[in-house]
Every structure is written in C-alpha cells, then in structure tokens.
Amino acid sequence: MKIILGRLNKFVAGVAAKAKVRKGTLTALGIFFVLQLYFVRELLAAELLFALAFGVLLIIGGTAYALGAIGERGLDLAEAGIRVLARSARRGYGLVDELSRKSFRHARSESAQ
C-alpha cells in the first residue's frame, strides 16, 4: 500500500510541476480520492456487518429447523413406543383376565370338594 501511495505522490507532484495545475484542482482531486477510499471502507464494513447479521439469522433458523425435525422424529418414535406399550398392555390384560377366571385350587383338592 505504501508503494502505491508513494508512486501516486510522485505522479501528482510531477503533474503539478509540469502543468502548473492550480492548487484548488489538486486539493479537490485529493479530497475526492480520500473520500472514495473512505466510502469503500465504509461499504466493506457495512457488507461485513450484513454478512454477520445474515450468518446469525442462518444459525438461528438452522437451529429452529433442526429442533423441529428432532421433535417430529421424537413424536414418531413416541408413537411407535406407545403402540408397542399398548399391544403389551392388551396382552397383559388378557392374561390377567384369563388367570382371574381360572381357579387357583386343583379340582381334586379338599377345599374344592
């Protein structure tokens, strides 16, 4: 950067010496050049801030999407688990019902006769 500024300084000094350009014109060109550098820096800074903001929004949105997908998967797994549990409970209820109808005493025991 210093090399470019040094060359630019030599060029401006040469133009001023050869053409006898007014100081006002050179001042205006200098101000214009400095303002252009300033605006470019500001635009780059603004672009970086926007990129940072969109990155944060991307992370928030991605997190929300991932949590939603995990929640859906969890509901699917919970539904499958509840179906297995319901099937097992029905079988257990049927077994308990069957056991409750049978007598616990043998047919040839004393209390049954």
Protein backbone atom coordinates (compact mmCIF):
# COMPACT_ATOMS: atom_id res chain seq x y z
CA MET A 1 0.00 0.00 0.00
CA LYS A 2 2.88 2.36 0.81
CA ILE A 3 4.48 1.69 -2.57
CA ILE A 4 1.28 2.61 -4.40
CA LEU A 5 0.82 5.76 -2.33
CA GLY A 6 4.45 6.73 -2.96
CA ARG A 7 4.04 6.31 -6.72
CA LEU A 8 0.80 8.28 -6.61
CA ASN A 9 2.52 11.05 -4.67
CA LYS A 10 5.32 11.24 -7.24
CA PHE A 11 2.80 11.30 -10.08
CA VAL A 12 0.78 14.12 -8.52
CA ALA A 13 3.96 16.11 -7.82
CA GLY A 14 5.06 15.64 -11.45
CA VAL A 15 1.69 16.74 -12.82
CA ALA A 16 1.67 19.81 -10.57
CA ALA A 17 5.18 20.83 -11.56
CA LYS A 18 4.79 20.30 -15.34
CA ALA A 19 1.30 21.57 -15.98
CA LYS A 20 1.21 24.22 -13.26
CA VAL A 21 -2.23 23.00 -12.20
CA ARG A 22 -3.97 25.08 -9.62
CA LYS A 23 -3.81 24.05 -6.02
CA GLY A 24 -7.61 24.03 -5.81
CA THR A 25 -7.89 21.37 -8.51
CA LEU A 26 -5.30 19.19 -6.84
CA THR A 27 -6.99 19.71 -3.48
CA ALA A 28 -10.34 18.74 -4.95
CA LEU A 29 -8.81 15.62 -6.54
CA GLY A 30 -7.14 14.75 -3.23
CA ILE A 31 -10.36 15.19 -1.29
CA PHE A 32 -12.24 13.12 -3.88
CA PHE A 33 -9.63 10.35 -3.67
CA VAL A 34 -9.69 10.31 0.14
CA LEU A 35 -13.48 10.26 0.20
CA GLN A 36 -13.52 7.39 -2.28
CA LEU A 37 -11.20 5.41 -0.01
CA TYR A 38 -13.41 6.28 2.98
CA PHE A 39 -16.62 5.23 1.23
CA VAL A 40 -15.08 1.98 0.02
CA ARG A 41 -14.01 1.18 3.55
CA GLU A 42 -17.47 2.04 4.86
CA LEU A 43 -19.13 -0.13 2.22
CA LEU A 44 -16.83 -3.03 3.06
CA ALA A 45 -17.59 -2.60 6.77
CA ALA A 46 -21.33 -2.48 6.07
CA GLU A 47 -21.08 -5.59 3.90
CA LEU A 48 -19.26 -7.43 6.66
CA LEU A 49 -21.89 -6.37 9.20
CA PHE A 50 -24.69 -7.57 6.92
CA ALA A 51 -22.87 -10.85 6.37
CA LEU A 52 -22.53 -11.25 10.12
CA ALA A 53 -26.22 -10.49 10.66
CA PHE A 54 -27.30 -12.94 7.97
CA GLY A 55 -24.96 -15.54 9.43
CA VAL A 56 -26.61 -15.13 12.84
CA LEU A 57 -30.05 -15.42 11.22
CA LEU A 58 -28.89 -18.52 9.37
CA ILE A 59 -27.72 -20.11 12.61
CA ILE A 60 -30.98 -19.24 14.40
CA GLY A 61 -33.08 -20.55 11.51
CA GLY A 62 -31.00 -23.71 11.20
CA THR A 63 -31.31 -24.36 14.91
CA ALA A 64 -35.09 -23.89 14.78
CA TYR A 65 -35.33 -26.23 11.79
CA ALA A 66 -33.15 -28.86 13.49
CA LEU A 67 -35.22 -28.70 16.68
CA GLY A 68 -38.42 -29.06 14.67
CA ALA A 69 -37.04 -32.05 12.78
CA ILE A 70 -35.86 -33.66 16.02
CA GLY A 71 -39.28 -33.02 17.58
CA GLU A 72 -41.04 -34.68 14.66
CA ARG A 73 -38.71 -37.66 14.84
CA GLY A 74 -39.31 -37.86 18.59
CA LEU A 75 -43.07 -37.87 18.09
CA ASP A 76 -42.76 -40.66 15.52
CA LEU A 77 -40.64 -42.72 17.90
CA ALA A 78 -43.00 -41.99 20.80
CA GLU A 79 -45.97 -43.13 18.69
CA ALA A 80 -44.20 -46.39 17.85
CA GLY A 81 -43.31 -46.88 21.51
CA ILE A 82 -46.88 -46.24 22.62
CA ARG A 83 -48.16 -48.77 20.09
CA VAL A 84 -45.77 -51.40 21.45
CA LEU A 85 -46.76 -50.49 25.00
CA ALA A 86 -50.49 -50.68 24.15
CA ARG A 87 -50.07 -54.07 22.50
CA SER A 88 -48.16 -55.33 25.53
CA ALA A 89 -50.81 -53.91 27.90
CA ARG A 90 -53.60 -55.62 25.93
CA ARG A 91 -51.77 -58.92 26.12
CA GLY A 92 -51.17 -58.45 29.84
CA TYR A 93 -54.80 -57.55 30.45
CA GLY A 94 -55.91 -60.63 28.51
CA LEU A 95 -53.55 -62.80 30.54
CA VAL A 96 -54.79 -61.32 33.84
CA ASP A 97 -58.40 -61.81 32.72
CA GLU A 98 -57.69 -65.41 31.80
CA LEU A 99 -55.94 -66.06 35.11
CA SER A 100 -58.78 -64.49 37.08
CA ARG A 101 -61.30 -66.89 35.54
CA LYS A 102 -59.29 -69.96 36.46
CA SER A 103 -59.48 -71.22 39.98
CA PHE A 104 -56.28 -71.44 41.95
CA ARG A 105 -57.32 -74.71 43.54
CA HIS A 106 -56.97 -78.04 41.89
CA ALA A 107 -60.16 -79.93 41.15
CA ARG A 108 -59.23 -82.79 43.47
CA SER A 109 -58.21 -80.68 46.46
CA GLU A 110 -60.10 -80.87 49.74
CA SER A 111 -61.47 -77.33 49.67
CA ALA A 112 -62.83 -77.76 46.14
CA GLN A 113 -64.86 -80.90 47.08
